[in-house]
């Protein structure tokens, strides 16, 4: 089951919060190191704007889904920077 979450990128770390009002303590923090890879979704999926963020060195994985192609493009671009 997908749950809406609020995300921020700061100092090469992706922070996940319950919502925009709870940004003091993150639910998760995902370091965006050189070993991170974005695995794009297959076009035949039920969720067309889904992607996986994988850190190869720590074996951490984070499955994310945008609401639109524009949001998907913005997030994948920001994560690649």
PDB file of N, CA and C in Angstrom:
ATOM      1  N   UNK A   1       0.854  -1.176   0.000  1.00  0.00           N
ATOM      2  CA  UNK A   1       0.000   0.000   0.000  1.00  0.00           C
ATOM      3  C   UNK A   1       0.900   1.240   0.000  1.00  0.00           C
ATOM      4  N   UNK A   2       0.625   2.130  -0.954  1.00  0.00           N
ATOM      5  CA  UNK A   2       1.394   3.372  -1.061  1.00  0.00           C
ATOM      6  C   UNK A   2       0.929   4.370  -0.009  1.00  0.00           C
ATOM      7  N   UNK A   3       1.885   5.040   0.620  1.00  0.00           N
ATOM      8  CA  UNK A   3       1.574   6.069   1.609  1.00  0.00           C
ATOM      9  C   UNK A   3       2.179   7.382   1.140  1.00  0.00           C
ATOM     10  N   UNK A   4       1.396   8.458   1.155  1.00  0.00           N
ATOM     11  CA  UNK A   4       1.963   9.753   0.776  1.00  0.00           C
ATOM     12  C   UNK A   4       3.010  10.180   1.815  1.00  0.00           C
ATOM     13  N   UNK A   5       4.119  10.685   1.335  1.00  0.00           N
ATOM     14  CA  UNK A   5       5.187  11.171   2.204  1.00  0.00           C
ATOM     15  C   UNK A   5       5.734  12.475   1.647  1.00  0.00           C
ATOM     16  N   UNK A   6       6.438  13.198   2.480  1.00  0.00           N
ATOM     17  CA  UNK A   6       7.076  14.455   2.108  1.00  0.00           C
ATOM     18  C   UNK A   6       8.582  14.218   2.088  1.00  0.00           C
ATOM     19  N   UNK A   7       9.254  14.677   1.031  1.00  0.00           N
ATOM     20  CA  UNK A   7      10.684  14.450   0.880  1.00  0.00           C
ATOM     21  C   UNK A   7      11.434  15.761   0.711  1.00  0.00           C
ATOM     22  N   UNK A   8      12.672  15.757   1.208  1.00  0.00           N
ATOM     23  CA  UNK A   8      13.591  16.877   1.017  1.00  0.00           C
ATOM     24  C   UNK A   8      14.978  16.317   0.737  1.00  0.00           C
ATOM     25  N   UNK A   9      15.731  17.028  -0.082  1.00  0.00           N
ATOM     26  CA  UNK A   9      17.134  16.685  -0.311  1.00  0.00           C
ATOM     27  C   UNK A   9      17.966  17.803   0.291  1.00  0.00           C
ATOM     28  N   UNK A  10      18.877  17.411   1.179  1.00  0.00           N
ATOM     29  CA  UNK A  10      19.771  18.392   1.809  1.00  0.00           C
ATOM     30  C   UNK A  10      21.126  17.738   2.043  1.00  0.00           C
ATOM     31  N   UNK A  11      22.176  18.416   1.595  1.00  0.00           N
ATOM     32  CA  UNK A  11      23.549  17.918   1.773  1.00  0.00           C
ATOM     33  C   UNK A  11      23.709  16.480   1.281  1.00  0.00           C
ATOM     34  N   UNK A  12      23.173  16.203   0.098  1.00  0.00           N
ATOM     35  CA  UNK A  12      23.265  14.892  -0.551  1.00  0.00           C
ATOM     36  C   UNK A  12      22.627  13.761   0.267  1.00  0.00           C
ATOM     37  N   UNK A  13      21.569  14.100   1.002  1.00  0.00           N
ATOM     38  CA  UNK A  13      20.789  13.107   1.737  1.00  0.00           C
ATOM     39  C   UNK A  13      19.323  13.334   1.398  1.00  0.00           C
ATOM     40  N   UNK A  14      18.619  12.244   1.068  1.00  0.00           N
ATOM     41  CA  UNK A  14      17.181  12.302   0.835  1.00  0.00           C
ATOM     42  C   UNK A  14      16.486  11.986   2.149  1.00  0.00           C
ATOM     43  N   UNK A  15      15.722  12.946   2.646  1.00  0.00           N
ATOM     44  CA  UNK A  15      14.988  12.778   3.899  1.00  0.00           C
ATOM     45  C   UNK A  15      13.520  12.507   3.605  1.00  0.00           C
ATOM     46  N   UNK A  16      12.951  11.560   4.323  1.00  0.00           N
ATOM     47  CA  UNK A  16      11.538  11.207   4.187  1.00  0.00           C
ATOM     48  C   UNK A  16      10.823  11.569   5.484  1.00  0.00           C
ATOM     49  N   UNK A  17       9.734  12.336   5.349  1.00  0.00           N
ATOM     50  CA  UNK A  17       8.950  12.762   6.507  1.00  0.00           C
ATOM     51  C   UNK A  17       7.505  12.298   6.341  1.00  0.00           C
ATOM     52  N   UNK A  18       6.816  12.233   7.458  1.00  0.00           N
ATOM     53  CA  UNK A  18       5.404  11.842   7.413  1.00  0.00           C
ATOM     54  C   UNK A  18       4.603  12.808   6.545  1.00  0.00           C
ATOM     55  N   UNK A  19       4.829  14.112   6.748  1.00  0.00           N
ATOM     56  CA  UNK A  19       4.161  15.138   5.934  1.00  0.00           C
ATOM     57  C   UNK A  19       4.968  16.433   6.030  1.00  0.00           C
ATOM     58  N   UNK A  20       4.530  17.454   5.335  1.00  0.00           N
ATOM     59  CA  UNK A  20       5.259  18.724   5.289  1.00  0.00           C
ATOM     60  C   UNK A  20       5.314  19.425   6.643  1.00  0.00           C
ATOM     61  N   UNK A  21       4.434  19.074   7.562  1.00  0.00           N
ATOM     62  CA  UNK A  21       4.407  19.703   8.887  1.00  0.00           C
ATOM     63  C   UNK A  21       5.287  18.998   9.910  1.00  0.00           C
ATOM     64  N   UNK A  22       5.870  17.866   9.529  1.00  0.00           N
ATOM     65  CA  UNK A  22       6.665  17.095  10.490  1.00  0.00           C
ATOM     66  C   UNK A  22       8.115  16.967  10.022  1.00  0.00           C
ATOM     67  N   UNK A  23       8.728  18.086   9.680  1.00  0.00           N
ATOM     68  CA  UNK A  23      10.073  18.060   9.107  1.00  0.00           C
ATOM     69  C   UNK A  23      11.195  18.156  10.140  1.00  0.00           C
ATOM     70  N   UNK A  24      10.908  17.956  11.396  1.00  0.00           N
ATOM     71  CA  UNK A  24      11.957  18.004  12.413  1.00  0.00           C
ATOM     72  C   UNK A  24      12.651  16.656  12.574  1.00  0.00           C
ATOM     73  N   UNK A  25      11.893  15.580  12.523  1.00  0.00           N
ATOM     74  CA  UNK A  25      12.454  14.242  12.691  1.00  0.00           C
ATOM     75  C   UNK A  25      12.059  13.392  11.485  1.00  0.00           C
ATOM     76  N   UNK A  26      13.034  13.024  10.645  1.00  0.00           N
ATOM     77  CA  UNK A  26      12.692  12.234   9.462  1.00  0.00           C
ATOM     78  C   UNK A  26      12.346  10.787   9.820  1.00  0.00           C
ATOM     79  N   UNK A  27      11.498  10.198   8.997  1.00  0.00           N
ATOM     80  CA  UNK A  27      11.200   8.773   9.131  1.00  0.00           C
ATOM     81  C   UNK A  27      12.384   7.944   8.643  1.00  0.00           C
ATOM     82  N   UNK A  28      13.018   8.427   7.582  1.00  0.00           N
ATOM     83  CA  UNK A  28      14.176   7.759   6.988  1.00  0.00           C
ATOM     84  C   UNK A  28      15.116   8.803   6.404  1.00  0.00           C
ATOM     85  N   UNK A  29      16.367   8.415   6.302  1.00  0.00           N
ATOM     86  CA  UNK A  29      17.372   9.243   5.628  1.00  0.00           C
ATOM     87  C   UNK A  29      18.160   8.333   4.702  1.00  0.00           C
ATOM     88  N   UNK A  30      18.284   8.735   3.454  1.00  0.00           N
ATOM     89  CA  UNK A  30      18.941   7.931   2.436  1.00  0.00           C
ATOM     90  C   UNK A  30      20.111   8.717   1.868  1.00  0.00           C
ATOM     91  N   UNK A  31      21.357   8.316   2.177  1.00  0.00           N
ATOM     92  CA  UNK A  31      22.520   9.047   1.660  1.00  0.00           C
ATOM     93  C   UNK A  31      22.624   8.899   0.143  1.00  0.00           C
ATOM     94  N   UNK A  32      22.799  10.007  -0.545  1.00  0.00           N
ATOM     95  CA  UNK A  32      22.902  10.010  -2.003  1.00  0.00           C
ATOM     96  C   UNK A  32      24.382  10.038  -2.389  1.00  0.00           C
ATOM     97  N   UNK A  33      25.013   8.886  -2.286  1.00  0.00           N
ATOM     98  CA  UNK A  33      26.438   8.765  -2.567  1.00  0.00           C
ATOM     99  C   UNK A  33      26.666   8.414  -4.036  1.00  0.00           C
ATOM    100  N   UNK A  34      27.925   8.287  -4.398  1.00  0.00           N
ATOM    101  CA  UNK A  34      28.300   7.902  -5.757  1.00  0.00           C
ATOM    102  C   UNK A  34      27.750   6.524  -6.125  1.00  0.00           C
ATOM    103  N   UNK A  35      27.514   5.690  -5.128  1.00  0.00           N
ATOM    104  CA  UNK A  35      27.040   4.324  -5.366  1.00  0.00           C
ATOM    105  C   UNK A  35      25.529   4.239  -5.573  1.00  0.00           C
ATOM    106  N   UNK A  36      24.834   5.377  -5.536  1.00  0.00           N
ATOM    107  CA  UNK A  36      23.379   5.380  -5.709  1.00  0.00           C
ATOM    108  C   UNK A  36      23.013   5.274  -7.188  1.00  0.00           C
ATOM    109  N   UNK A  37      21.956   4.551  -7.417  1.00  0.00           N
ATOM    110  CA  UNK A  37      21.475   4.347  -8.777  1.00  0.00           C
ATOM    111  C   UNK A  37      19.955   4.488  -8.782  1.00  0.00           C
ATOM    112  N   UNK A  38      19.448   5.129  -9.818  1.00  0.00           N
ATOM    113  CA  UNK A  38      18.000   5.220 -10.006  1.00  0.00           C
ATOM    114  C   UNK A  38      17.622   4.164 -11.023  1.00  0.00           C
ATOM    115  N   UNK A  39      16.749   3.270 -10.613  1.00  0.00           N
ATOM    116  CA  UNK A  39      16.263   2.233 -11.511  1.00  0.00           C
ATOM    117  C   UNK A  39      14.869   2.641 -11.947  1.00  0.00           C
ATOM    118  N   UNK A  40      14.759   2.982 -13.222  1.00  0.00           N
ATOM    119  CA  UNK A  40      13.484   3.480 -13.733  1.00  0.00           C
ATOM    120  C   UNK A  40      12.504   2.343 -13.935  1.00  0.00           C
ATOM    121  N   UNK A  41      11.245   2.686 -13.831  1.00  0.00           N
ATOM    122  CA  UNK A  41      10.162   1.731 -13.934  1.00  0.00           C
ATOM    123  C   UNK A  41       9.980   1.247 -15.363  1.00  0.00           C
ATOM    124  N   UNK A  42       9.500   0.045 -15.499  1.00  0.00           N
ATOM    125  CA  UNK A  42       9.151  -0.475 -16.814  1.00  0.00           C
ATOM    126  C   UNK A  42       7.818   0.108 -17.246  1.00  0.00           C
ATOM    127  N   UNK A  43       7.702   0.416 -18.505  1.00  0.00           N
ATOM    128  CA  UNK A  43       6.505   1.101 -19.012  1.00  0.00           C
ATOM    129  C   UNK A  43       5.230   0.283 -18.886  1.00  0.00           C
ATOM    130  N   UNK A  44       5.334  -1.029 -18.739  1.00  0.00           N
ATOM    131  CA  UNK A  44       4.137  -1.858 -18.648  1.00  0.00           C
ATOM    132  C   UNK A  44       3.642  -2.038 -17.208  1.00  0.00           C
ATOM    133  N   UNK A  45       4.225  -1.301 -16.287  1.00  0.00           N
ATOM    134  CA  UNK A  45       3.865  -1.431 -14.885  1.00  0.00           C
ATOM    135  C   UNK A  45       2.517  -0.774 -14.580  1.00  0.00           C
ATOM    136  N   UNK A  46       1.922  -1.215 -13.491  1.00  0.00           N
ATOM    137  CA  UNK A  46       0.679  -0.615 -12.989  1.00  0.00           C
ATOM    138  C   UNK A  46       0.909   0.831 -12.534  1.00  0.00           C
ATOM    139  N   UNK A  47       2.147   1.127 -12.134  1.00  0.00           N
ATOM    140  CA  UNK A  47       2.503   2.455 -11.636  1.00  0.00           C
ATOM    141  C   UNK A  47       3.536   3.083 -12.585  1.00  0.00           C
ATOM    142  N   UNK A  48       3.105   3.864 -13.556  1.00  0.00           N
ATOM    143  CA  UNK A  48       4.019   4.364 -14.582  1.00  0.00           C
ATOM    144  C   UNK A  48       5.065   5.360 -14.087  1.00  0.00           C
ATOM    145  N   UNK A  49       4.874   5.987 -12.948  1.00  0.00           N
ATOM    146  CA  UNK A  49       5.816   6.998 -12.470  1.00  0.00           C
ATOM    147  C   UNK A  49       6.587   6.511 -11.244  1.00  0.00           C
ATOM    148  N   UNK A  50       6.789   5.215 -11.155  1.00  0.00           N
ATOM    149  CA  UNK A  50       7.499   4.603 -10.039  1.00  0.00           C
ATOM    150  C   UNK A  50       8.973   4.430 -10.406  1.00  0.00           C
ATOM    151  N   UNK A  51       9.848   4.584  -9.406  1.00  0.00           N
ATOM    152  CA  UNK A  51      11.266   4.305  -9.599  1.00  0.00           C
ATOM    153  C   UNK A  51      11.868   3.846  -8.283  1.00  0.00           C
ATOM    154  N   UNK A  52      12.998   3.181  -8.393  1.00  0.00           N
ATOM    155  CA  UNK A  52      13.669   2.660  -7.212  1.00  0.00           C
ATOM    156  C   UNK A  52      15.006   3.358  -7.058  1.00  0.00           C
ATOM    157  N   UNK A  53      15.309   3.757  -5.863  1.00  0.00           N
ATOM    158  CA  UNK A  53      16.591   4.362  -5.529  1.00  0.00           C
ATOM    159  C   UNK A  53      17.382   3.303  -4.773  1.00  0.00           C
ATOM    160  N   UNK A  54      18.562   2.949  -5.279  1.00  0.00           N
ATOM    161  CA  UNK A  54      19.360   1.878  -4.699  1.00  0.00           C
ATOM    162  C   UNK A  54      20.759   2.396  -4.386  1.00  0.00           C
ATOM    163  N   UNK A  55      21.227   2.136  -3.177  1.00  0.00           N
ATOM    164  CA  UNK A  55      22.603   2.431  -2.799  1.00  0.00           C
ATOM    165  C   UNK A  55      23.353   1.108  -2.816  1.00  0.00           C
ATOM    166  N   UNK A  56      24.223   0.932  -3.806  1.00  0.00           N
ATOM    167  CA  UNK A  56      24.919  -0.339  -3.998  1.00  0.00           C
ATOM    168  C   UNK A  56      25.854  -0.677  -2.836  1.00  0.00           C
ATOM    169  N   UNK A  57      26.452   0.318  -2.197  1.00  0.00           N
ATOM    170  CA  UNK A  57      27.412   0.033  -1.122  1.00  0.00           C
ATOM    171  C   UNK A  57      26.729  -0.401   0.178  1.00  0.00           C
ATOM    172  N   UNK A  58      25.550   0.124   0.454  1.00  0.00           N
ATOM    173  CA  UNK A  58      24.850  -0.236   1.695  1.00  0.00           C
ATOM    174  C   UNK A  58      23.699  -1.205   1.460  1.00  0.00           C
ATOM    175  N   UNK A  59      23.381  -1.449   0.188  1.00  0.00           N
ATOM    176  CA  UNK A  59      22.265  -2.309  -0.209  1.00  0.00           C
ATOM    177  C   UNK A  59      20.913  -1.753   0.242  1.00  0.00           C
ATOM    178  N   UNK A  60      20.859  -0.434   0.491  1.00  0.00           N
ATOM    179  CA  UNK A  60      19.591   0.214   0.837  1.00  0.00           C
ATOM    180  C   UNK A  60      18.779   0.409  -0.439  1.00  0.00           C
ATOM    181  N   UNK A  61      17.461   0.241  -0.320  1.00  0.00           N
ATOM    182  CA  UNK A  61      16.566   0.452  -1.449  1.00  0.00           C
ATOM    183  C   UNK A  61      15.377   1.277  -0.985  1.00  0.00           C
ATOM    184  N   UNK A  62      14.915   2.133  -1.868  1.00  0.00           N
ATOM    185  CA  UNK A  62      13.788   3.001  -1.573  1.00  0.00           C
ATOM    186  C   UNK A  62      12.905   3.040  -2.812  1.00  0.00           C
ATOM    187  N   UNK A  63      11.676   2.629  -2.710  1.00  0.00           N
ATOM    188  CA  UNK A  63      10.745   2.620  -3.828  1.00  0.00           C
ATOM    189  C   UNK A  63       9.877   3.865  -3.754  1.00  0.00           C
ATOM    190  N   UNK A  64       9.881   4.656  -4.832  1.00  0.00           N
ATOM    191  CA  UNK A  64       9.171   5.933  -4.860  1.00  0.00           C
ATOM    192  C   UNK A  64       8.235   5.988  -6.055  1.00  0.00           C
ATOM    193  N   UNK A  65       7.186   6.788  -5.928  1.00  0.00           N
ATOM    194  CA  UNK A  65       6.244   6.961  -7.031  1.00  0.00           C
ATOM    195  C   UNK A  65       5.801   8.411  -7.094  1.00  0.00           C
ATOM    196  N   UNK A  66       5.972   8.997  -8.274  1.00  0.00           N
ATOM    197  CA  UNK A  66       5.515  10.368  -8.507  1.00  0.00           C
ATOM    198  C   UNK A  66       4.065  10.332  -8.990  1.00  0.00           C
ATOM    199  N   UNK A  67       3.409  11.494  -8.955  1.00  0.00           N
ATOM    200  CA  UNK A  67       2.012  11.563  -9.376  1.00  0.00           C
ATOM    201  C   UNK A  67       1.849  11.911 -10.848  1.00  0.00           C
ATOM    202  N   UNK A  68       2.929  12.380 -11.475  1.00  0.00           N
ATOM    203  CA  UNK A  68       2.840  12.782 -12.872  1.00  0.00           C
ATOM    204  C   UNK A  68       4.211  12.627 -13.523  1.00  0.00           C
ATOM    205  N   UNK A  69       4.251  12.712 -14.844  1.00  0.00           N
ATOM    206  CA  UNK A  69       5.523  12.646 -15.556  1.00  0.00           C
ATOM    207  C   UNK A  69       6.418  13.823 -15.193  1.00  0.00           C
ATOM    208  N   UNK A  70       5.827  15.002 -15.025  1.00  0.00           N
ATOM    209  CA  UNK A  70       6.596  16.185 -14.664  1.00  0.00           C
ATOM    210  C   UNK A  70       7.244  16.029 -13.289  1.00  0.00           C
ATOM    211  N   UNK A  71       6.482  15.505 -12.328  1.00  0.00           N
ATOM    212  CA  UNK A  71       7.012  15.281 -10.987  1.00  0.00           C
ATOM    213  C   UNK A  71       8.102  14.205 -11.017  1.00  0.00           C
ATOM    214  N   UNK A  72       7.870  13.171 -11.788  1.00  0.00           N
ATOM    215  CA  UNK A  72       8.852  12.098 -11.961  1.00  0.00           C
ATOM    216  C   UNK A  72      10.162  12.660 -12.515  1.00  0.00           C
ATOM    217  N   UNK A  73      10.075  13.451 -13.577  1.00  0.00           N
ATOM    218  CA  UNK A  73      11.261  14.043 -14.190  1.00  0.00           C
ATOM    219  C   UNK A  73      12.000  14.961 -13.217  1.00  0.00           C
ATOM    220  N   UNK A  74      11.257  15.758 -12.462  1.00  0.00           N
ATOM    221  CA  UNK A  74      11.872  16.683 -11.506  1.00  0.00           C
ATOM    222  C   UNK A  74      12.617  15.922 -10.408  1.00  0.00           C
ATOM    223  N   UNK A  75      12.007  14.875  -9.871  1.00  0.00           N
ATOM    224  CA  UNK A  75      12.644  14.109  -8.804  1.00  0.00           C
ATOM    225  C   UNK A  75      13.856  13.336  -9.295  1.00  0.00           C
ATOM    226  N   UNK A  76      13.746  12.666 -10.418  1.00  0.00           N
ATOM    227  CA  UNK A  76      14.900  11.905 -10.900  1.00  0.00           C
ATOM    228  C   UNK A  76      16.058  12.835 -11.256  1.00  0.00           C
ATOM    229  N   UNK A  77      15.760  14.013 -11.790  1.00  0.00           N
ATOM    230  CA  UNK A  77      16.808  14.975 -12.084  1.00  0.00           C
ATOM    231  C   UNK A  77      17.469  15.480 -10.802  1.00  0.00           C
ATOM    232  N   UNK A  78      16.671  15.812  -9.803  1.00  0.00           N
ATOM    233  CA  UNK A  78      17.215  16.302  -8.524  1.00  0.00           C
ATOM    234  C   UNK A  78      18.058  15.228  -7.837  1.00  0.00           C
ATOM    235  N   UNK A  79      17.641  13.985  -7.917  1.00  0.00           N
ATOM    236  CA  UNK A  79      18.388  12.901  -7.275  1.00  0.00           C
ATOM    237  C   UNK A  79      19.698  12.605  -7.997  1.00  0.00           C
ATOM    238  N   UNK A  80      19.745  12.875  -9.284  1.00  0.00           N
ATOM    239  CA  UNK A  80      20.965  12.621 -10.052  1.00  0.00           C
ATOM    240  C   UNK A  80      22.011  13.724  -9.870  1.00  0.00           C
ATOM    241  N   UNK A  81      21.607  14.901  -9.429  1.00  0.00           N
ATOM    242  CA  UNK A  81      22.560  16.021  -9.252  1.00  0.00           C
ATOM    243  C   UNK A  81      23.519  15.777  -8.129  1.00  0.00           C
TER     244      UNK A  81
END
